PDB file of N, CA and C in Angstrom:
ATOM      1  N   MET A   1      96.730 100.384  84.846  1.00  0.00           N
ATOM      2  CA  MET A   1      95.980 100.018  86.028  1.00  0.00           C
ATOM      3  C   MET A   1      95.084 101.192  86.428  1.00  0.00           C
ATOM      4  N   ARG A   2      93.835 100.903  86.737  1.00  0.00           N
ATOM      5  CA  ARG A   2      92.908 101.969  87.123  1.00  0.00           C
ATOM      6  C   ARG A   2      93.072 102.319  88.595  1.00  0.00           C
ATOM      7  N   LYS A   3      92.726 103.543  88.929  1.00  0.00           N
ATOM      8  CA  LYS A   3      92.802 104.008  90.317  1.00  0.00           C
ATOM      9  C   LYS A   3      91.736 103.302  91.144  1.00  0.00           C
ATOM     10  N   ILE A   4      92.105 102.878  92.335  1.00  0.00           N
ATOM     11  CA  ILE A   4      91.163 102.195  93.212  1.00  0.00           C
ATOM     12  C   ILE A   4      90.133 103.195  93.738  1.00  0.00           C
ATOM     13  N   THR A   5      88.894 102.774  93.822  1.00  0.00           N
ATOM     14  CA  THR A   5      87.815 103.661  94.276  1.00  0.00           C
ATOM     15  C   THR A   5      87.424 103.331  95.712  1.00  0.00           C
ATOM     16  N   LEU A   6      86.681 104.234  96.303  1.00  0.00           N
ATOM     17  CA  LEU A   6      86.175 104.009  97.649  1.00  0.00           C
ATOM     18  C   LEU A   6      85.288 102.763  97.678  1.00  0.00           C
ATOM     19  N   TYR A   7      84.508 102.577  96.651  1.00  0.00           N
ATOM     20  CA  TYR A   7      83.670 101.372  96.551  1.00  0.00           C
ATOM     21  C   TYR A   7      84.545 100.116  96.593  1.00  0.00           C
ATOM     22  N   ASP A   8      85.629 100.124  95.834  1.00  0.00           N
ATOM     23  CA  ASP A   8      86.558  98.979  95.830  1.00  0.00           C
ATOM     24  C   ASP A   8      87.072  98.689  97.234  1.00  0.00           C
ATOM     25  N   LEU A   9      87.460  99.752  97.939  1.00  0.00           N
ATOM     26  CA  LEU A   9      88.030  99.572  99.278  1.00  0.00           C
ATOM     27  C   LEU A   9      87.044  98.931 100.232  1.00  0.00           C
ATOM     28  N   TYR A  10      85.780  99.343 100.161  1.00  0.00           N
ATOM     29  CA  TYR A  10      84.772  98.766 101.054  1.00  0.00           C
ATOM     30  C   TYR A  10      84.454  97.311 100.705  1.00  0.00           C
ATOM     31  N   GLN A  11      84.812  96.880  99.517  1.00  0.00           N
ATOM     32  CA  GLN A  11      84.653  95.467  99.153  1.00  0.00           C
ATOM     33  C   GLN A  11      85.753  94.612  99.777  1.00  0.00           C
ATOM     34  N   ILE A  12      86.869  95.244 100.128  1.00  0.00           N
ATOM     35  CA  ILE A  12      88.042  94.530 100.648  1.00  0.00           C
ATOM     36  C   ILE A  12      88.173  94.664 102.165  1.00  0.00           C
ATOM     37  N   TYR A  13      87.951  95.869 102.695  1.00  0.00           N
ATOM     38  CA  TYR A  13      88.214  96.168 104.104  1.00  0.00           C
ATOM     39  C   TYR A  13      86.931  96.505 104.845  1.00  0.00           C
ATOM     40  N   SER A  14      86.845  96.079 106.097  1.00  0.00           N
ATOM     41  CA  SER A  14      85.654  96.382 106.900  1.00  0.00           C
ATOM     42  C   SER A  14      85.671  97.824 107.402  1.00  0.00           C
ATOM     43  N   ILE A  15      86.870  98.405 107.547  1.00  0.00           N
ATOM     44  CA  ILE A  15      86.991  99.796 107.977  1.00  0.00           C
ATOM     45  C   ILE A  15      87.860 100.554 106.978  1.00  0.00           C
ATOM     46  N   VAL A  16      87.327 101.664 106.490  1.00  0.00           N
ATOM     47  CA  VAL A  16      88.073 102.535 105.582  1.00  0.00           C
ATOM     48  C   VAL A  16      88.047 103.930 106.178  1.00  0.00           C
ATOM     49  N   GLY A  17      89.231 104.465 106.458  1.00  0.00           N
ATOM     50  CA  GLY A  17      89.331 105.780 107.080  1.00  0.00           C
ATOM     51  C   GLY A  17      89.621 106.867 106.065  1.00  0.00           C
ATOM     52  N   ASN A  18      90.286 107.869 106.533  1.00  0.00           N
ATOM     53  CA  ASN A  18      90.618 109.036 105.712  1.00  0.00           C
ATOM     54  C   ASN A  18      91.787 108.765 104.778  1.00  0.00           C
ATOM     55  N   THR A  19      91.844 109.576 103.747  1.00  0.00           N
ATOM     56  CA  THR A  19      93.010 109.596 102.870  1.00  0.00           C
ATOM     57  C   THR A  19      93.748 110.892 103.153  1.00  0.00           C
ATOM     58  N   CYS A  20      95.032 110.752 103.470  1.00  0.00           N
ATOM     59  CA  CYS A  20      95.837 111.905 103.837  1.00  0.00           C
ATOM     60  C   CYS A  20      97.265 111.674 103.343  1.00  0.00           C
ATOM     61  N   GLU A  21      97.832 112.651 102.680  1.00  0.00           N
ATOM     62  CA  GLU A  21      99.206 112.581 102.182  1.00  0.00           C
ATOM     63  C   GLU A  21      99.451 111.357 101.290  1.00  0.00           C
ATOM     64  N   GLY A  22      98.425 110.961 100.531  1.00  0.00           N
ATOM     65  CA  GLY A  22      98.582 109.865  99.576  1.00  0.00           C
ATOM     66  C   GLY A  22      98.352 108.475 100.142  1.00  0.00           C
ATOM     67  N   PHE A  23      97.927 108.379 101.401  1.00  0.00           N
ATOM     68  CA  PHE A  23      97.689 107.088 102.038  1.00  0.00           C
ATOM     69  C   PHE A  23      96.295 107.050 102.646  1.00  0.00           C
ATOM     70  N   THR A  24      95.648 105.898 102.569  1.00  0.00           N
ATOM     71  CA  THR A  24      94.337 105.690 103.167  1.00  0.00           C
ATOM     72  C   THR A  24      94.484 104.713 104.313  1.00  0.00           C
ATOM     73  N   SER A  25      93.874 105.028 105.446  1.00  0.00           N
ATOM     74  CA  SER A  25      93.907 104.111 106.582  1.00  0.00           C
ATOM     75  C   SER A  25      92.781 103.095 106.421  1.00  0.00           C
ATOM     76  N   VAL A  26      93.115 101.822 106.635  1.00  0.00           N
ATOM     77  CA  VAL A  26      92.143 100.743 106.501  1.00  0.00           C
ATOM     78  C   VAL A  26      92.312  99.755 107.652  1.00  0.00           C
ATOM     79  N   GLY A  27      91.271  98.957 107.856  1.00  0.00           N
ATOM     80  CA  GLY A  27      91.354  97.937 108.896  1.00  0.00           C
ATOM     81  C   GLY A  27      90.483  96.747 108.554  1.00  0.00           C
ATOM     82  N   THR A  28      90.911  95.604 109.029  1.00  0.00           N
ATOM     83  CA  THR A  28      90.141  94.380 108.879  1.00  0.00           C
ATOM     84  C   THR A  28      90.580  93.391 109.950  1.00  0.00           C
ATOM     85  N   LYS A  29      89.613  92.723 110.542  1.00  0.00           N
ATOM     86  CA  LYS A  29      89.878  91.705 111.568  1.00  0.00           C
ATOM     87  C   LYS A  29      90.752  92.246 112.705  1.00  0.00           C
ATOM     88  N   GLY A  30      90.514  93.509 113.107  1.00  0.00           N
ATOM     89  CA  GLY A  30      91.242  94.089 114.219  1.00  0.00           C
ATOM     90  C   GLY A  30      92.663  94.504 113.922  1.00  0.00           C
ATOM     91  N   GLN A  31      93.037  94.489 112.650  1.00  0.00           N
ATOM     92  CA  GLN A  31      94.370  94.914 112.250  1.00  0.00           C
ATOM     93  C   GLN A  31      94.248  96.122 111.334  1.00  0.00           C
ATOM     94  N   PHE A  32      95.081  97.131 111.601  1.00  0.00           N
ATOM     95  CA  PHE A  32      95.004  98.378 110.859  1.00  0.00           C
ATOM     96  C   PHE A  32      96.339  98.694 110.195  1.00  0.00           C
ATOM     97  N   PHE A  33      96.252  99.331 109.017  1.00  0.00           N
ATOM     98  CA  PHE A  33      97.445  99.705 108.271  1.00  0.00           C
ATOM     99  C   PHE A  33      97.069 100.740 107.223  1.00  0.00           C
ATOM    100  N   HIS A  34      98.053 101.237 106.498  1.00  0.00           N
ATOM    101  CA  HIS A  34      97.828 102.236 105.450  1.00  0.00           C
ATOM    102  C   HIS A  34      98.043 101.595 104.079  1.00  0.00           C
ATOM    103  N   ILE A  35      97.261 102.063 103.121  1.00  0.00           N
ATOM    104  CA  ILE A  35      97.446 101.631 101.734  1.00  0.00           C
ATOM    105  C   ILE A  35      97.727 102.860 100.875  1.00  0.00           C
ATOM    106  N   HIS A  36      98.360 102.627  99.729  1.00  0.00           N
ATOM    107  CA  HIS A  36      98.619 103.712  98.787  1.00  0.00           C
ATOM    108  C   HIS A  36      97.302 104.129  98.139  1.00  0.00           C
ATOM    109  N   GLU A  37      97.071 105.419  98.115  1.00  0.00           N
ATOM    110  CA  GLU A  37      95.831 105.959  97.565  1.00  0.00           C
ATOM    111  C   GLU A  37      95.629 105.561  96.097  1.00  0.00           C
ATOM    112  N   GLU A  38      96.680 105.584  95.326  1.00  0.00           N
ATOM    113  CA  GLU A  38      96.570 105.336  93.887  1.00  0.00           C
ATOM    114  C   GLU A  38      96.190 103.901  93.524  1.00  0.00           C
ATOM    115  N   ASN A  39      96.858 102.924  94.150  1.00  0.00           N
ATOM    116  CA  ASN A  39      96.661 101.538  93.713  1.00  0.00           C
ATOM    117  C   ASN A  39      96.086 100.609  94.770  1.00  0.00           C
ATOM    118  N   GLY A  40      95.928 101.088  96.000  1.00  0.00           N
ATOM    119  CA  GLY A  40      95.340 100.275  97.049  1.00  0.00           C
ATOM    120  C   GLY A  40      96.267  99.238  97.657  1.00  0.00           C
ATOM    121  N   GLU A  41      97.531  99.258  97.270  1.00  0.00           N
ATOM    122  CA  GLU A  41      98.502  98.304  97.814  1.00  0.00           C
ATOM    123  C   GLU A  41      98.939  98.733  99.215  1.00  0.00           C
ATOM    124  N   PRO A  42      99.152  97.769 100.120  1.00  0.00           N
ATOM    125  CA  PRO A  42      99.649  98.127 101.452  1.00  0.00           C
ATOM    126  C   PRO A  42     100.972  98.889 101.359  1.00  0.00           C
ATOM    127  N   ALA A  43     101.123  99.918 102.204  1.00  0.00           N
ATOM    128  CA  ALA A  43     102.333 100.731 102.201  1.00  0.00           C
ATOM    129  C   ALA A  43     103.484 100.028 102.915  1.00  0.00           C
ATOM    130  N   TYR A  44     103.162  99.061 103.777  1.00  0.00           N
ATOM    131  CA  TYR A  44     104.166  98.337 104.557  1.00  0.00           C
ATOM    132  C   TYR A  44     103.541  97.020 105.028  1.00  0.00           C
ATOM    133  N   GLU A  45     104.354  96.121 105.558  1.00  0.00           N
ATOM    134  CA  GLU A  45     103.867  94.805 105.989  1.00  0.00           C
ATOM    135  C   GLU A  45     103.275  94.799 107.390  1.00  0.00           C
ATOM    136  N   GLU A  46     103.786  95.637 108.274  1.00  0.00           N
ATOM    137  CA  GLU A  46     103.371  95.648 109.680  1.00  0.00           C
ATOM    138  C   GLU A  46     101.870  95.907 109.816  1.00  0.00           C
ATOM    139  N   ARG A  47     101.238  95.305 110.830  1.00  0.00           N
ATOM    140  CA  ARG A  47      99.837  95.562 111.162  1.00  0.00           C
ATOM    141  C   ARG A  47      99.796  96.062 112.592  1.00  0.00           C
ATOM    142  N   PHE A  48      98.878  97.010 112.852  1.00  0.00           N
ATOM    143  CA  PHE A  48      98.822  97.663 114.150  1.00  0.00           C
ATOM    144  C   PHE A  48      97.452  97.486 114.787  1.00  0.00           C
ATOM    145  N   ASP A  49      97.398  97.737 116.100  1.00  0.00           N
ATOM    146  CA  ASP A  49      96.130  97.678 116.827  1.00  0.00           C
ATOM    147  C   ASP A  49      95.277  98.904 116.523  1.00  0.00           C
ATOM    148  N   TRP A  50      95.916 100.009 116.181  1.00  0.00           N
ATOM    149  CA  TRP A  50      95.224 101.239 115.806  1.00  0.00           C
ATOM    150  C   TRP A  50      96.183 102.133 115.039  1.00  0.00           C
ATOM    151  N   ILE A  51      95.652 102.945 114.144  1.00  0.00           N
ATOM    152  CA  ILE A  51      96.476 103.890 113.389  1.00  0.00           C
ATOM    153  C   ILE A  51      95.747 105.214 113.246  1.00  0.00           C
ATOM    154  N   GLU A  52      96.512 106.255 113.084  1.00  0.00           N
ATOM    155  CA  GLU A  52      95.982 107.580 112.748  1.00  0.00           C
ATOM    156  C   GLU A  52      96.460 107.924 111.340  1.00  0.00           C
ATOM    157  N   ASP A  53      95.925 108.995 110.780  1.00  0.00           N
ATOM    158  CA  ASP A  53      96.323 109.440 109.444  1.00  0.00           C
ATOM    159  C   ASP A  53      97.744 110.000 109.457  1.00  0.00           C
ATOM    160  N   PHE A  54      98.352 110.043 108.275  1.00  0.00           N
ATOM    161  CA  PHE A  54      99.664 110.679 108.141  1.00  0.00           C
ATOM    162  C   PHE A  54      99.504 112.198 108.135  1.00  0.00           C
ATOM    163  N   HIS A  55     100.372 112.861 108.879  1.00  0.00           N
ATOM    164  CA  HIS A  55     100.453 114.320 108.908  1.00  0.00           C
ATOM    165  C   HIS A  55     101.926 114.684 108.977  1.00  0.00           C
ATOM    166  N   ASN A  56     102.362 115.527 108.078  1.00  0.00           N
ATOM    167  CA  ASN A  56     103.776 115.925 108.014  1.00  0.00           C
ATOM    168  C   ASN A  56     104.697 114.715 107.924  1.00  0.00           C
ATOM    169  N   GLY A  57     104.259 113.701 107.187  1.00  0.00           N
ATOM    170  CA  GLY A  57     105.100 112.531 106.933  1.00  0.00           C
ATOM    171  C   GLY A  57     105.150 111.492 108.029  1.00  0.00           C
ATOM    172  N   LEU A  58     104.336 111.639 109.070  1.00  0.00           N
ATOM    173  CA  LEU A  58     104.316 110.666 110.172  1.00  0.00           C
ATOM    174  C   LEU A  58     102.882 110.297 110.536  1.00  0.00           C
ATOM    175  N   ALA A  59     102.711 109.063 111.020  1.00  0.00           N
ATOM    176  CA  ALA A  59     101.409 108.620 111.514  1.00  0.00           C
ATOM    177  C   ALA A  59     101.592 108.036 112.910  1.00  0.00           C
ATOM    178  N   LEU A  60     100.683 108.357 113.797  1.00  0.00           N
ATOM    179  CA  LEU A  60     100.679 107.780 115.134  1.00  0.00           C
ATOM    180  C   LEU A  60     100.014 106.411 115.055  1.00  0.00           C
ATOM    181  N   VAL A  61     100.645 105.397 115.627  1.00  0.00           N
ATOM    182  CA  VAL A  61     100.109 104.036 115.629  1.00  0.00           C
ATOM    183  C   VAL A  61     100.181 103.475 117.041  1.00  0.00           C
ATOM    184  N   LYS A  62      99.445 102.395 117.256  1.00  0.00           N
ATOM    185  CA  LYS A  62      99.486 101.713 118.552  1.00  0.00           C
ATOM    186  C   LYS A  62      99.590 100.218 118.304  1.00  0.00           C
ATOM    187  N   LYS A  63     100.510  99.583 119.056  1.00  0.00           N
ATOM    188  CA  LYS A  63     100.672  98.139 118.952  1.00  0.00           C
ATOM    189  C   LYS A  63     101.085  97.597 120.315  1.00  0.00           C
ATOM    190  N   ASP A  64     100.380  96.575 120.762  1.00  0.00           N
ATOM    191  CA  ASP A  64     100.684  95.932 122.046  1.00  0.00           C
ATOM    192  C   ASP A  64     100.756  96.940 123.186  1.00  0.00           C
ATOM    193  N   GLY A  65      99.850  97.918 123.188  1.00  0.00           N
ATOM    194  CA  GLY A  65      99.776  98.902 124.263  1.00  0.00           C
ATOM    195  C   GLY A  65     100.759 100.047 124.160  1.00  0.00           C
ATOM    196  N   GLU A  66     101.602 100.049 123.152  1.00  0.00           N
ATOM    197  CA  GLU A  66     102.602 101.104 122.976  1.00  0.00           C
ATOM    198  C   GLU A  66     102.232 101.975 121.779  1.00  0.00           C
ATOM    199  N   SER A  67     102.286 103.282 121.971  1.00  0.00           N
ATOM    200  CA  SER A  67     102.028 104.230 120.884  1.00  0.00           C
ATOM    201  C   SER A  67     103.341 104.817 120.392  1.00  0.00           C
ATOM    202  N   PHE A  68     103.461 104.976 119.090  1.00  0.00           N
ATOM    203  CA  PHE A  68     104.648 105.570 118.493  1.00  0.00           C
ATOM    204  C   PHE A  68     104.315 106.028 117.081  1.00  0.00           C
ATOM    205  N   HIS A  69     105.221 106.773 116.465  1.00  0.00           N
ATOM    206  CA  HIS A  69     105.037 107.275 115.112  1.00  0.00           C
ATOM    207  C   HIS A  69     105.790 106.401 114.112  1.00  0.00           C
ATOM    208  N   ILE A  70     105.237 106.353 112.906  1.00  0.00           N
ATOM    209  CA  ILE A  70     105.911 105.646 111.812  1.00  0.00           C
ATOM    210  C   ILE A  70     106.002 106.549 110.589  1.00  0.00           C
ATOM    211  N   TYR A  71     106.965 106.219 109.733  1.00  0.00           N
ATOM    212  CA  TYR A  71     107.091 106.838 108.417  1.00  0.00           C
ATOM    213  C   TYR A  71     106.173 106.109 107.438  1.00  0.00           C
ATOM    214  N   PRO A  72     105.931 106.654 106.250  1.00  0.00           N
ATOM    215  CA  PRO A  72     105.069 105.988 105.278  1.00  0.00           C
ATOM    216  C   PRO A  72     105.512 104.575 104.873  1.00  0.00           C
ATOM    217  N   ASP A  73     106.780 104.253 105.053  1.00  0.00           N
ATOM    218  CA  ASP A  73     107.223 102.891 104.719  1.00  0.00           C
ATOM    219  C   ASP A  73     107.060 101.933 105.897  1.00  0.00           C
ATOM    220  N   GLY A  74     106.472 102.421 107.009  1.00  0.00           N
ATOM    221  CA  GLY A  74     106.217 101.590 108.172  1.00  0.00           C
ATOM    222  C   GLY A  74     107.338 101.553 109.188  1.00  0.00           C
ATOM    223  N   LYS A  75     108.474 102.153 108.850  1.00  0.00           N
ATOM    224  CA  LYS A  75     109.583 102.174 109.803  1.00  0.00           C
ATOM    225  C   LYS A  75     109.260 103.105 110.960  1.00  0.00           C
ATOM    226  N   ARG A  76     109.695 102.682 112.126  1.00  0.00           N
ATOM    227  CA  ARG A  76     109.426 103.436 113.342  1.00  0.00           C
ATOM    228  C   ARG A  76     110.278 104.694 113.428  1.00  0.00           C
ATOM    229  N   PHE A  77     109.649 105.768 113.847  1.00  0.00           N
ATOM    230  CA  PHE A  77     110.328 107.018 114.135  1.00  0.00           C
ATOM    231  C   PHE A  77     111.217 106.771 115.347  1.00  0.00           C
ATOM    232  N   SER A  78     112.400 107.364 115.398  1.00  0.00           N
ATOM    233  CA  SER A  78     113.344 107.090 116.485  1.00  0.00           C
ATOM    234  C   SER A  78     112.790 107.543 117.838  1.00  0.00           C
ATOM    235  N   GLU A  79     113.207 106.863 118.900  1.00  0.00           N
ATOM    236  CA  GLU A  79     112.765 107.217 120.247  1.00  0.00           C
ATOM    237  C   GLU A  79     113.185 108.641 120.610  1.00  0.00           C
ATOM    238  N   GLU A  80     114.339 109.060 120.148  1.00  0.00           N
ATOM    239  CA  GLU A  80     114.798 110.424 120.412  1.00  0.00           C
ATOM    240  C   GLU A  80     113.844 111.440 119.788  1.00  0.00           C
ATOM    241  N   GLU A  81     113.455 111.191 118.547  1.00  0.00           N
ATOM    242  CA  GLU A  81     112.513 112.082 117.886  1.00  0.00           C
ATOM    243  C   GLU A  81     111.137 112.028 118.561  1.00  0.00           C
ATOM    244  N   GLU A  82     110.734 110.850 119.027  1.00  0.00           N
ATOM    245  CA  GLU A  82     109.470 110.710 119.749  1.00  0.00           C
ATOM    246  C   GLU A  82     109.449 111.610 120.983  1.00  0.00           C
ATOM    247  N   LYS A  83     110.558 111.606 121.715  1.00  0.00           N
ATOM    248  CA  LYS A  83     110.650 112.424 122.933  1.00  0.00           C
ATOM    249  C   LYS A  83     110.496 113.907 122.592  1.00  0.00           C
ATOM    250  N   LYS A  84     111.115 114.341 121.494  1.00  0.00           N
ATOM    251  CA  LYS A  84     111.007 115.753 121.082  1.00  0.00           C
ATOM    252  C   LYS A  84     109.561 116.114 120.776  1.00  0.00           C
ATOM    253  N   ILE A  85     108.840 115.210 120.125  1.00  0.00           N
ATOM    254  CA  ILE A  85     107.432 115.462 119.806  1.00  0.00           C
ATOM    255  C   ILE A  85     106.617 115.539 121.083  1.00  0.00           C
ATOM    256  N   GLN A  86     106.830 114.606 121.987  1.00  0.00           N
ATOM    257  CA  GLN A  86     106.070 114.582 123.242  1.00  0.00           C
ATOM    258  C   GLN A  86     106.338 115.815 124.088  1.00  0.00           C
ATOM    259  N   GLU A  87     107.551 116.329 124.011  1.00  0.00           N
ATOM    260  CA  GLU A  87     107.911 117.527 124.782  1.00  0.00           C
ATOM    261  C   GLU A  87     107.494 118.811 124.060  1.00  0.00           C
ATOM    262  N   GLY A  88     106.989 118.660 122.836  1.00  0.00           N
ATOM    263  CA  GLY A  88     106.531 119.822 122.083  1.00  0.00           C
ATOM    264  C   GLY A  88     107.605 120.655 121.463  1.00  0.00           C
ATOM    265  N   ARG A  89     108.763 120.040 121.203  1.00  0.00           N
ATOM    266  CA  ARG A  89     109.877 120.784 120.601  1.00  0.00           C
ATOM    267  C   ARG A  89     109.884 120.610 119.117  1.00  0.00           C
TER     268      ARG A  89
END
């Protein structure tokens, strides 16, 4: 299988963001998610209202007015860990 190109991504998605830590942020029809840099496959099933790039293994996302962090597999970072980040610990 060949590596997906930026040209390929723009043929599929209306919004193509940065590639960071092996994932590219993309969006279409008001839904945003991350895809694997190598093959262009979605990293997880969930769709969000907004997403940020992955940094140190986490991405900030927003859904239904709530912001939180997710892991690359789309699982939510725990609320306890969220509090530590917000408090700067």
